[in-house]
Amino acid sequence: MIDIWDGEIPGYNPDISDVAPGLEPYIVDNNKLKGVILICPGGGYDHRADHEGRPVAEWLNSLGISAFVLYYRVSPYRYPYPVLDAKRAVRYIRYRCKEWNINPKKICIMGFSAGGHLSSVIGTTFDYGNIDSKDPVERESCRPDGMILSYPVISFKEYAHQGSIENLLGPEPEQELLNNLSSEKNVSKNTPRTFIWHTANDNSVPVEDTILLSKVLSKHNIPFETHIFPEGRHGLGMADGVPEVGIWKRLCATWLKSNKFM
């Protein structure tokens, strides 16, 4: 595990943590400058789903793309710690891109369910780094160059996933926080290009979240690609046993290639 905070973890309490926030690397070893995917597994901000981590990274490796699985903090940690971990991870990868032979302009963030929410928050509330920071990592931008969102939680207002809200913000969150963490409200002309997939009958995170974000991306002229499959339970991950949904991987690989991440 790679320590992204170099031992200086804000708000960290080892007594309530399963692991310290960090990156599990899956680096493709070749001489080509390549893109990279930062993977945020889902789990409702309560845990990190294993099937949305390692198997996804290994699939990306098979395409020739390096990947990192992010171990971000979950409940009992609250906001802003998961967001701080994810932003730090993007900065950290960009800071060490030469060492890993990664193109610093081809860093994509990928998330599933609540990990999709976390990814969309990073993609809509990023900054370009603090040039006055004594920490060289913090001088780097945390803006991803692309987003891949799988059955994502998007809004904390309309079509909200209550479990994710409570685990991230507690039982009685302030309205300002609900607004600030509703990604559809933070899309701008600088939001990165996006690939999204969902299933129409998802009974946990409603497909309306994906439709809502797609509409806002379109309004702001952000390049995006959305696929909604008619059938499939929530949390399918790679969907290897559901071929009618599992084609999302082929569609995503085409998107990655066309956007020069591979």
C-alpha atoms as a PDB file:
ATOM      1  CA  MET A   1       0.000   0.000   0.000  1.00  0.00           C
ATOM      2  CA  ILE A   2       1.302   3.436  -0.925  1.00  0.00           C
ATOM      3  CA  ASP A   3       0.992   6.094   1.783  1.00  0.00           C
ATOM      4  CA  ILE A   4      -0.404   9.120  -0.055  1.00  0.00           C
ATOM      5  CA  TRP A   5      -0.161  11.380   2.988  1.00  0.00           C
ATOM      6  CA  ASP A   6       3.475  10.599   3.841  1.00  0.00           C
ATOM      7  CA  GLY A   7       2.481   9.992   7.445  1.00  0.00           C
ATOM      8  CA  GLU A   8       0.774  13.381   7.919  1.00  0.00           C
ATOM      9  CA  ILE A   9      -2.855  12.244   7.640  1.00  0.00           C
ATOM     10  CA  PRO A  10      -5.345  15.004   8.561  1.00  0.00           C
ATOM     11  CA  GLY A  11      -7.922  13.883  11.095  1.00  0.00           C
ATOM     12  CA  TYR A  12      -6.676  10.301  11.176  1.00  0.00           C
ATOM     13  CA  ASN A  13      -7.431   8.077  14.175  1.00  0.00           C
ATOM     14  CA  PRO A  14      -5.926   4.565  13.923  1.00  0.00           C
ATOM     15  CA  ASP A  15      -8.320   3.332  16.615  1.00  0.00           C
ATOM     16  CA  ILE A  16     -11.314   3.699  14.265  1.00  0.00           C
ATOM     17  CA  SER A  17      -9.646   2.765  10.970  1.00  0.00           C
ATOM     18  CA  ASP A  18      -9.488  -0.551   9.158  1.00  0.00           C
ATOM     19  CA  VAL A  19      -6.610   0.727   7.015  1.00  0.00           C
ATOM     20  CA  ALA A  20      -4.854   4.048   6.555  1.00  0.00           C
ATOM     21  CA  PRO A  21      -5.856   5.889   3.369  1.00  0.00           C
ATOM     22  CA  GLY A  22      -3.619   4.879   0.499  1.00  0.00           C
ATOM     23  CA  LEU A  23      -3.224   3.473  -2.996  1.00  0.00           C
ATOM     24  CA  GLU A  24      -2.955  -0.146  -4.098  1.00  0.00           C
ATOM     25  CA  PRO A  25      -0.896   0.026  -7.307  1.00  0.00           C
ATOM     26  CA  TYR A  26      -1.448  -1.936 -10.513  1.00  0.00           C
ATOM     27  CA  ILE A  27       1.261  -0.512 -12.752  1.00  0.00           C
ATOM     28  CA  VAL A  28       1.678  -1.730 -16.324  1.00  0.00           C
ATOM     29  CA  ASP A  29       5.387  -2.182 -16.928  1.00  0.00           C
ATOM     30  CA  ASN A  30       6.239  -0.987 -20.431  1.00  0.00           C
ATOM     31  CA  ASN A  31       8.148   1.880 -22.010  1.00  0.00           C
ATOM     32  CA  LYS A  32       5.097   3.740 -23.279  1.00  0.00           C
ATOM     33  CA  LEU A  33       3.825   6.911 -21.646  1.00  0.00           C
ATOM     34  CA  LYS A  34       0.329   5.921 -20.574  1.00  0.00           C
ATOM     35  CA  GLY A  35      -2.854   7.040 -18.922  1.00  0.00           C
ATOM     36  CA  VAL A  36      -3.924   5.853 -15.501  1.00  0.00           C
ATOM     37  CA  ILE A  37      -7.229   5.158 -13.758  1.00  0.00           C
ATOM     38  CA  LEU A  38      -7.837   5.902 -10.078  1.00  0.00           C
ATOM     39  CA  ILE A  39     -10.526   3.459  -8.889  1.00  0.00           C
ATOM     40  CA  CYS A  40     -12.934   4.356  -6.062  1.00  0.00           C
ATOM     41  CA  PRO A  41     -14.917   1.261  -5.000  1.00  0.00           C
ATOM     42  CA  GLY A  42     -18.450   1.738  -3.732  1.00  0.00           C
ATOM     43  CA  GLY A  43     -19.977   0.719  -0.429  1.00  0.00           C
ATOM     44  CA  GLY A  44     -22.262   3.551   0.655  1.00  0.00           C
ATOM     45  CA  TYR A  45     -19.392   5.303   2.507  1.00  0.00           C
ATOM     46  CA  ASP A  46     -19.708   2.432   4.987  1.00  0.00           C
ATOM     47  CA  HIS A  47     -17.083   0.131   3.442  1.00  0.00           C
ATOM     48  CA  ARG A  48     -15.182  -0.364   0.183  1.00  0.00           C
ATOM     49  CA  ALA A  49     -16.538  -3.175  -1.984  1.00  0.00           C
ATOM     50  CA  ASP A  50     -13.759  -5.615  -2.903  1.00  0.00           C
ATOM     51  CA  HIS A  51     -15.350  -6.644  -6.201  1.00  0.00           C
ATOM     52  CA  GLU A  52     -15.173  -3.029  -7.401  1.00  0.00           C
ATOM     53  CA  GLY A  53     -11.449  -2.762  -6.743  1.00  0.00           C
ATOM     54  CA  ARG A  54      -8.904  -5.410  -7.682  1.00  0.00           C
ATOM     55  CA  PRO A  55     -10.916  -7.095 -10.494  1.00  0.00           C
ATOM     56  CA  VAL A  56     -11.434  -3.712 -12.146  1.00  0.00           C
ATOM     57  CA  ALA A  57      -7.737  -2.860 -11.888  1.00  0.00           C
ATOM     58  CA  GLU A  58      -6.755  -6.210 -13.398  1.00  0.00           C
ATOM     59  CA  TRP A  59      -9.173  -5.676 -16.291  1.00  0.00           C
ATOM     60  CA  LEU A  60      -7.661  -2.246 -16.939  1.00  0.00           C
ATOM     61  CA  ASN A  61      -4.183  -3.789 -16.863  1.00  0.00           C
ATOM     62  CA  SER A  62      -5.323  -6.229 -19.554  1.00  0.00           C
ATOM     63  CA  LEU A  63      -6.049  -3.176 -21.729  1.00  0.00           C
ATOM     64  CA  GLY A  64      -2.544  -1.857 -21.108  1.00  0.00           C
ATOM     65  CA  ILE A  65      -3.686   0.803 -18.636  1.00  0.00           C
ATOM     66  CA  SER A  66      -2.133   1.325 -15.208  1.00  0.00           C
ATOM     67  CA  ALA A  67      -4.517   1.641 -12.272  1.00  0.00           C
ATOM     68  CA  PHE A  68      -4.648   2.393  -8.575  1.00  0.00           C
ATOM     69  CA  VAL A  69      -7.341   1.292  -6.138  1.00  0.00           C
ATOM     70  CA  LEU A  70      -8.025   4.032  -3.603  1.00  0.00           C
ATOM     71  CA  TYR A  71      -8.508   3.076   0.026  1.00  0.00           C
ATOM     72  CA  TYR A  72     -10.368   6.193   1.102  1.00  0.00           C
ATOM     73  CA  ARG A  73     -11.775   6.647   4.593  1.00  0.00           C
ATOM     74  CA  VAL A  74     -15.339   5.528   5.293  1.00  0.00           C
ATOM     75  CA  SER A  75     -17.735   5.686   8.272  1.00  0.00           C
ATOM     76  CA  PRO A  76     -17.250   6.458  11.119  1.00  0.00           C
ATOM     77  CA  TYR A  77     -15.186   9.075   9.280  1.00  0.00           C
ATOM     78  CA  ARG A  78     -17.372  11.837   7.877  1.00  0.00           C
ATOM     79  CA  TYR A  79     -16.948  14.526   5.262  1.00  0.00           C
ATOM     80  CA  PRO A  80     -14.488  15.972   4.315  1.00  0.00           C
ATOM     81  CA  TYR A  81     -12.112  13.044   4.866  1.00  0.00           C
ATOM     82  CA  PRO A  82     -13.095  10.778   1.940  1.00  0.00           C
ATOM     83  CA  VAL A  83     -12.959  13.801  -0.373  1.00  0.00           C
ATOM     84  CA  LEU A  84      -9.588  14.879   1.026  1.00  0.00           C
ATOM     85  CA  ASP A  85      -8.234  11.363   0.438  1.00  0.00           C
ATOM     86  CA  ALA A  86      -9.441  11.263  -3.166  1.00  0.00           C
ATOM     87  CA  LYS A  87      -8.134  14.723  -4.020  1.00  0.00           C
ATOM     88  CA  ARG A  88      -4.813  13.889  -2.412  1.00  0.00           C
ATOM     89  CA  ALA A  89      -4.634  10.667  -4.437  1.00  0.00           C
ATOM     90  CA  VAL A  90      -5.011  12.538  -7.743  1.00  0.00           C
ATOM     91  CA  ARG A  91      -2.340  15.026  -6.682  1.00  0.00           C
ATOM     92  CA  TYR A  92      -0.038  12.240  -5.516  1.00  0.00           C
ATOM     93  CA  ILE A  93      -0.288  10.310  -8.786  1.00  0.00           C
ATOM     94  CA  ARG A  94       0.354  13.475 -10.779  1.00  0.00           C
ATOM     95  CA  TYR A  95       3.352  14.309  -8.565  1.00  0.00           C
ATOM     96  CA  ARG A  96       4.932  10.892  -9.159  1.00  0.00           C
ATOM     97  CA  CYS A  97       3.861  10.481 -12.786  1.00  0.00           C
ATOM     98  CA  LYS A  98       7.417  10.472 -14.183  1.00  0.00           C
ATOM     99  CA  GLU A  99       8.423   7.642 -11.873  1.00  0.00           C
ATOM    100  CA  TRP A 100       5.461   5.527 -13.032  1.00  0.00           C
ATOM    101  CA  ASN A 101       5.706   6.594 -16.694  1.00  0.00           C
ATOM    102  CA  ILE A 102       2.229   8.141 -16.531  1.00  0.00           C
ATOM    103  CA  ASN A 103       0.964  10.993 -18.681  1.00  0.00           C
ATOM    104  CA  PRO A 104       0.023  13.727 -16.160  1.00  0.00           C
ATOM    105  CA  LYS A 105      -2.695  14.920 -18.558  1.00  0.00           C
ATOM    106  CA  LYS A 106      -4.356  11.493 -18.735  1.00  0.00           C
ATOM    107  CA  ILE A 107      -5.411  10.780 -15.155  1.00  0.00           C
ATOM    108  CA  CYS A 108      -8.969   9.434 -15.043  1.00  0.00           C
ATOM    109  CA  ILE A 109     -11.046   8.803 -11.925  1.00  0.00           C
ATOM    110  CA  MET A 110     -13.460   5.861 -11.855  1.00  0.00           C
ATOM    111  CA  GLY A 111     -16.088   5.104  -9.243  1.00  0.00           C
ATOM    112  CA  PHE A 112     -18.895   2.702  -8.469  1.00  0.00           C
ATOM    113  CA  SER A 113     -22.061   3.677  -6.568  1.00  0.00           C
ATOM    114  CA  ALA A 114     -20.912   5.835  -3.614  1.00  0.00           C
ATOM    115  CA  GLY A 115     -17.435   5.658  -5.131  1.00  0.00           C
ATOM    116  CA  GLY A 116     -19.058   7.163  -8.209  1.00  0.00           C
ATOM    117  CA  HIS A 117     -20.343   9.975  -6.018  1.00  0.00           C
ATOM    118  CA  LEU A 118     -16.859  10.525  -4.622  1.00  0.00           C
ATOM    119  CA  SER A 119     -15.416  10.527  -8.148  1.00  0.00           C
ATOM    120  CA  SER A 120     -18.022  13.007  -9.386  1.00  0.00           C
ATOM    121  CA  VAL A 121     -17.351  15.295  -6.421  1.00  0.00           C
ATOM    122  CA  ILE A 122     -13.652  15.340  -7.327  1.00  0.00           C
ATOM    123  CA  GLY A 123     -14.511  15.955 -10.971  1.00  0.00           C
ATOM    124  CA  THR A 124     -16.761  18.925 -10.143  1.00  0.00           C
ATOM    125  CA  THR A 125     -15.057  20.549  -7.106  1.00  0.00           C
ATOM    126  CA  PHE A 126     -11.363  20.168  -7.978  1.00  0.00           C
ATOM    127  CA  ASP A 127      -8.694  22.824  -7.644  1.00  0.00           C
ATOM    128  CA  TYR A 128      -5.458  23.415  -9.492  1.00  0.00           C
ATOM    129  CA  GLY A 129      -3.168  23.124  -6.489  1.00  0.00           C
ATOM    130  CA  ASN A 130      -1.693  25.525  -3.961  1.00  0.00           C
ATOM    131  CA  ILE A 131       1.513  26.939  -5.436  1.00  0.00           C
ATOM    132  CA  ASP A 132       2.478  28.380  -2.041  1.00  0.00           C
ATOM    133  CA  SER A 133       2.308  25.048  -0.200  1.00  0.00           C
ATOM    134  CA  LYS A 134       5.480  23.703   1.401  1.00  0.00           C
ATOM    135  CA  ASP A 135       4.269  20.223   0.419  1.00  0.00           C
ATOM    136  CA  PRO A 136       5.121  19.628  -3.259  1.00  0.00           C
ATOM    137  CA  VAL A 137       2.209  17.189  -3.614  1.00  0.00           C
ATOM    138  CA  GLU A 138      -0.255  19.906  -2.612  1.00  0.00           C
ATOM    139  CA  ARG A 139       1.055  22.128  -5.388  1.00  0.00           C
ATOM    140  CA  GLU A 140      -0.344  19.676  -7.939  1.00  0.00           C
ATOM    141  CA  SER A 141      -3.804  19.914  -9.486  1.00  0.00           C
ATOM    142  CA  CYS A 142      -6.434  17.433  -8.309  1.00  0.00           C
ATOM    143  CA  ARG A 143      -8.494  17.841 -11.486  1.00  0.00           C
ATOM    144  CA  PRO A 144      -9.018  14.472 -13.201  1.00  0.00           C
ATOM    145  CA  ASP A 145      -8.852  14.429 -16.998  1.00  0.00           C
ATOM    146  CA  GLY A 146     -11.812  12.067 -17.269  1.00  0.00           C
ATOM    147  CA  MET A 147     -14.513  10.400 -15.163  1.00  0.00           C
ATOM    148  CA  ILE A 148     -15.952   6.892 -15.428  1.00  0.00           C
ATOM    149  CA  LEU A 149     -19.067   6.579 -13.267  1.00  0.00           C
ATOM    150  CA  SER A 150     -20.742   3.215 -12.710  1.00  0.00           C
ATOM    151  CA  TYR A 151     -24.305   3.310 -11.292  1.00  0.00           C
ATOM    152  CA  PRO A 152     -23.243   6.459  -9.410  1.00  0.00           C
ATOM    153  CA  VAL A 153     -24.819   8.274  -6.520  1.00  0.00           C
ATOM    154  CA  ILE A 154     -24.946  11.855  -7.829  1.00  0.00           C
ATOM    155  CA  SER A 155     -27.475  14.020  -6.048  1.00  0.00           C
ATOM    156  CA  PHE A 156     -27.882  14.524  -2.316  1.00  0.00           C
ATOM    157  CA  LYS A 157     -31.095  16.421  -3.039  1.00  0.00           C
ATOM    158  CA  GLU A 158     -33.202  14.772  -5.749  1.00  0.00           C
ATOM    159  CA  TYR A 159     -33.159  10.962  -5.927  1.00  0.00           C
ATOM    160  CA  ALA A 160     -30.861  10.875  -2.904  1.00  0.00           C
ATOM    161  CA  HIS A 161     -29.331   7.658  -1.570  1.00  0.00           C
ATOM    162  CA  GLN A 162     -30.024   8.069   2.126  1.00  0.00           C
ATOM    163  CA  GLY A 163     -27.465   5.554   3.331  1.00  0.00           C
ATOM    164  CA  SER A 164     -24.604   7.347   1.591  1.00  0.00           C
ATOM    165  CA  ILE A 165     -25.768  10.695   2.978  1.00  0.00           C
ATOM    166  CA  GLU A 166     -25.947   9.466   6.557  1.00  0.00           C
ATOM    167  CA  ASN A 167     -22.602   7.686   6.428  1.00  0.00           C
ATOM    168  CA  LEU A 168     -20.856  10.700   4.901  1.00  0.00           C
ATOM    169  CA  LEU A 169     -22.662  13.569   6.664  1.00  0.00           C
ATOM    170  CA  GLY A 170     -24.439  12.092   9.675  1.00  0.00           C
ATOM    171  CA  PRO A 171     -28.172  11.787  10.408  1.00  0.00           C
ATOM    172  CA  GLU A 172     -29.032  15.515  10.245  1.00  0.00           C
ATOM    173  CA  PRO A 173     -26.818  17.170   7.616  1.00  0.00           C
ATOM    174  CA  GLU A 174     -26.976  20.864   6.875  1.00  0.00           C
ATOM    175  CA  GLN A 175     -28.722  21.884   3.667  1.00  0.00           C
ATOM    176  CA  GLU A 176     -25.611  23.725   2.515  1.00  0.00           C
ATOM    177  CA  LEU A 177     -23.604  20.502   2.637  1.00  0.00           C
ATOM    178  CA  LEU A 178     -26.318  18.612   0.769  1.00  0.00           C
ATOM    179  CA  ASN A 179     -26.158  21.254  -1.958  1.00  0.00           C
ATOM    180  CA  ASN A 180     -22.374  21.374  -2.067  1.00  0.00           C
ATOM    181  CA  LEU A 181     -22.118  17.591  -2.421  1.00  0.00           C
ATOM    182  CA  SER A 182     -24.782  17.263  -5.118  1.00  0.00           C
ATOM    183  CA  SER A 183     -22.543  16.948  -8.148  1.00  0.00           C
ATOM    184  CA  GLU A 184     -25.175  18.041 -10.660  1.00  0.00           C
ATOM    185  CA  LYS A 185     -25.066  21.488  -9.017  1.00  0.00           C
ATOM    186  CA  ASN A 186     -21.307  21.863  -9.477  1.00  0.00           C
ATOM    187  CA  VAL A 187     -20.783  20.995 -13.144  1.00  0.00           C
ATOM    188  CA  SER A 188     -18.924  23.745 -14.999  1.00  0.00           C
ATOM    189  CA  LYS A 189     -17.238  24.282 -18.343  1.00  0.00           C
ATOM    190  CA  ASN A 190     -14.087  22.753 -16.808  1.00  0.00           C
ATOM    191  CA  THR A 191     -15.697  19.481 -15.716  1.00  0.00           C
ATOM    192  CA  PRO A 192     -13.829  16.591 -17.385  1.00  0.00           C
ATOM    193  CA  ARG A 193     -15.277  14.390 -20.119  1.00  0.00           C
ATOM    194  CA  THR A 194     -17.358  11.573 -18.675  1.00  0.00           C
ATOM    195  CA  PHE A 195     -18.472   7.981 -19.305  1.00  0.00           C
ATOM    196  CA  ILE A 196     -21.504   6.782 -17.301  1.00  0.00           C
ATOM    197  CA  TRP A 197     -23.446   3.536 -17.121  1.00  0.00           C
ATOM    198  CA  HIS A 198     -26.425   2.446 -15.046  1.00  0.00           C
ATOM    199  CA  THR A 199     -29.323  -0.009 -15.116  1.00  0.00           C
ATOM    200  CA  ALA A 200     -32.875   1.248 -15.462  1.00  0.00           C
ATOM    201  CA  ASN A 201     -34.306  -0.915 -12.689  1.00  0.00           C
ATOM    202  CA  ASP A 202     -31.572  -0.295 -10.091  1.00  0.00           C
ATOM    203  CA  ASN A 203     -33.573  -0.404  -6.855  1.00  0.00           C
ATOM    204  CA  SER A 204     -30.828   1.059  -4.663  1.00  0.00           C
ATOM    205  CA  VAL A 205     -29.427   4.062  -6.535  1.00  0.00           C
ATOM    206  CA  PRO A 206     -32.091   5.304  -8.980  1.00  0.00           C
ATOM    207  CA  VAL A 207     -31.146   5.672 -12.630  1.00  0.00           C
ATOM    208  CA  GLU A 208     -32.482   9.227 -12.425  1.00  0.00           C
ATOM    209  CA  ASP A 209     -29.147  10.183 -10.834  1.00  0.00           C
ATOM    210  CA  THR A 210     -27.368   9.277 -14.068  1.00  0.00           C
ATOM    211  CA  ILE A 211     -30.029  10.968 -16.209  1.00  0.00           C
ATOM    212  CA  LEU A 212     -29.804  14.120 -14.082  1.00  0.00           C
ATOM    213  CA  LEU A 213     -26.024  14.359 -14.424  1.00  0.00           C
ATOM    214  CA  SER A 214     -26.172  13.620 -18.153  1.00  0.00           C
ATOM    215  CA  LYS A 215     -28.602  16.490 -18.686  1.00  0.00           C
ATOM    216  CA  VAL A 216     -26.358  18.913 -16.829  1.00  0.00           C
ATOM    217  CA  LEU A 217     -23.232  17.747 -18.674  1.00  0.00           C
ATOM    218  CA  SER A 218     -25.083  18.311 -21.938  1.00  0.00           C
ATOM    219  CA  LYS A 219     -26.178  21.790 -20.829  1.00  0.00           C
ATOM    220  CA  HIS A 220     -22.534  22.722 -20.197  1.00  0.00           C
ATOM    221  CA  ASN A 221     -21.296  21.144 -23.446  1.00  0.00           C
ATOM    222  CA  ILE A 222     -19.106  18.614 -21.629  1.00  0.00           C
ATOM    223  CA  PRO A 223     -18.326  15.577 -23.817  1.00  0.00           C
ATOM    224  CA  PHE A 224     -20.078  12.578 -22.255  1.00  0.00           C
ATOM    225  CA  GLU A 225     -21.274   9.092 -23.071  1.00  0.00           C
ATOM    226  CA  THR A 226     -24.128   7.478 -21.155  1.00  0.00           C
ATOM    227  CA  HIS A 227     -25.375   3.871 -21.346  1.00  0.00           C
ATOM    228  CA  ILE A 228     -28.525   2.733 -19.553  1.00  0.00           C
ATOM    229  CA  PHE A 229     -29.242  -0.993 -19.618  1.00  0.00           C
ATOM    230  CA  PRO A 230     -32.823  -2.158 -19.025  1.00  0.00           C
ATOM    231  CA  GLU A 231     -32.145  -4.872 -16.429  1.00  0.00           C
ATOM    232  CA  GLY A 232     -29.601  -5.433 -13.678  1.00  0.00           C
ATOM    233  CA  ARG A 233     -29.333  -5.220  -9.913  1.00  0.00           C
ATOM    234  CA  HIS A 234     -27.309  -2.592  -8.139  1.00  0.00           C
ATOM    235  CA  GLY A 235     -23.632  -3.263  -7.502  1.00  0.00           C
ATOM    236  CA  LEU A 236     -22.870  -5.479 -10.490  1.00  0.00           C
ATOM    237  CA  GLY A 237     -19.272  -4.307 -10.723  1.00  0.00           C
ATOM    238  CA  MET A 238     -17.661  -5.973 -13.718  1.00  0.00           C
ATOM    239  CA  ALA A 239     -21.013  -7.685 -14.464  1.00  0.00           C
ATOM    240  CA  ASP A 240     -19.155 -10.711 -15.844  1.00  0.00           C
ATOM    241  CA  GLY A 241     -22.109 -13.021 -15.246  1.00  0.00           C
ATOM    242  CA  VAL A 242     -24.601 -10.653 -16.858  1.00  0.00           C
ATOM    243  CA  PRO A 243     -23.527 -10.377 -20.500  1.00  0.00           C
ATOM    244  CA  GLU A 244     -26.272  -7.946 -21.496  1.00  0.00           C
ATOM    245  CA  VAL A 245     -24.796  -5.483 -18.949  1.00  0.00           C
ATOM    246  CA  GLY A 246     -21.191  -6.678 -19.034  1.00  0.00           C
ATOM    247  CA  ILE A 247     -20.754  -5.073 -22.438  1.00  0.00           C
ATOM    248  CA  TRP A 248     -20.178  -1.844 -20.522  1.00  0.00           C
ATOM    249  CA  LYS A 249     -16.516  -2.901 -20.385  1.00  0.00           C
ATOM    250  CA  ARG A 250     -16.193  -3.047 -24.172  1.00  0.00           C
ATOM    251  CA  LEU A 251     -17.973   0.298 -24.514  1.00  0.00           C
ATOM    252  CA  CYS A 252     -15.755   1.823 -21.856  1.00  0.00           C
ATOM    253  CA  ALA A 253     -12.587   0.451 -23.475  1.00  0.00           C
ATOM    254  CA  THR A 254     -13.632   2.119 -26.734  1.00  0.00           C
ATOM    255  CA  TRP A 255     -14.201   5.390 -24.871  1.00  0.00           C
ATOM    256  CA  LEU A 256     -10.792   5.110 -23.188  1.00  0.00           C
ATOM    257  CA  LYS A 257      -9.116   4.492 -26.526  1.00  0.00           C
ATOM    258  CA  SER A 258     -10.899   7.321 -28.310  1.00  0.00           C
ATOM    259  CA  ASN A 259      -9.892   9.699 -25.528  1.00  0.00           C
ATOM    260  CA  LYS A 260      -6.284   8.489 -25.608  1.00  0.00           C
ATOM    261  CA  PHE A 261      -6.149   6.997 -22.118  1.00  0.00           C
ATOM    262  CA  MET A 262      -4.806   3.784 -23.706  1.00  0.00           C
END
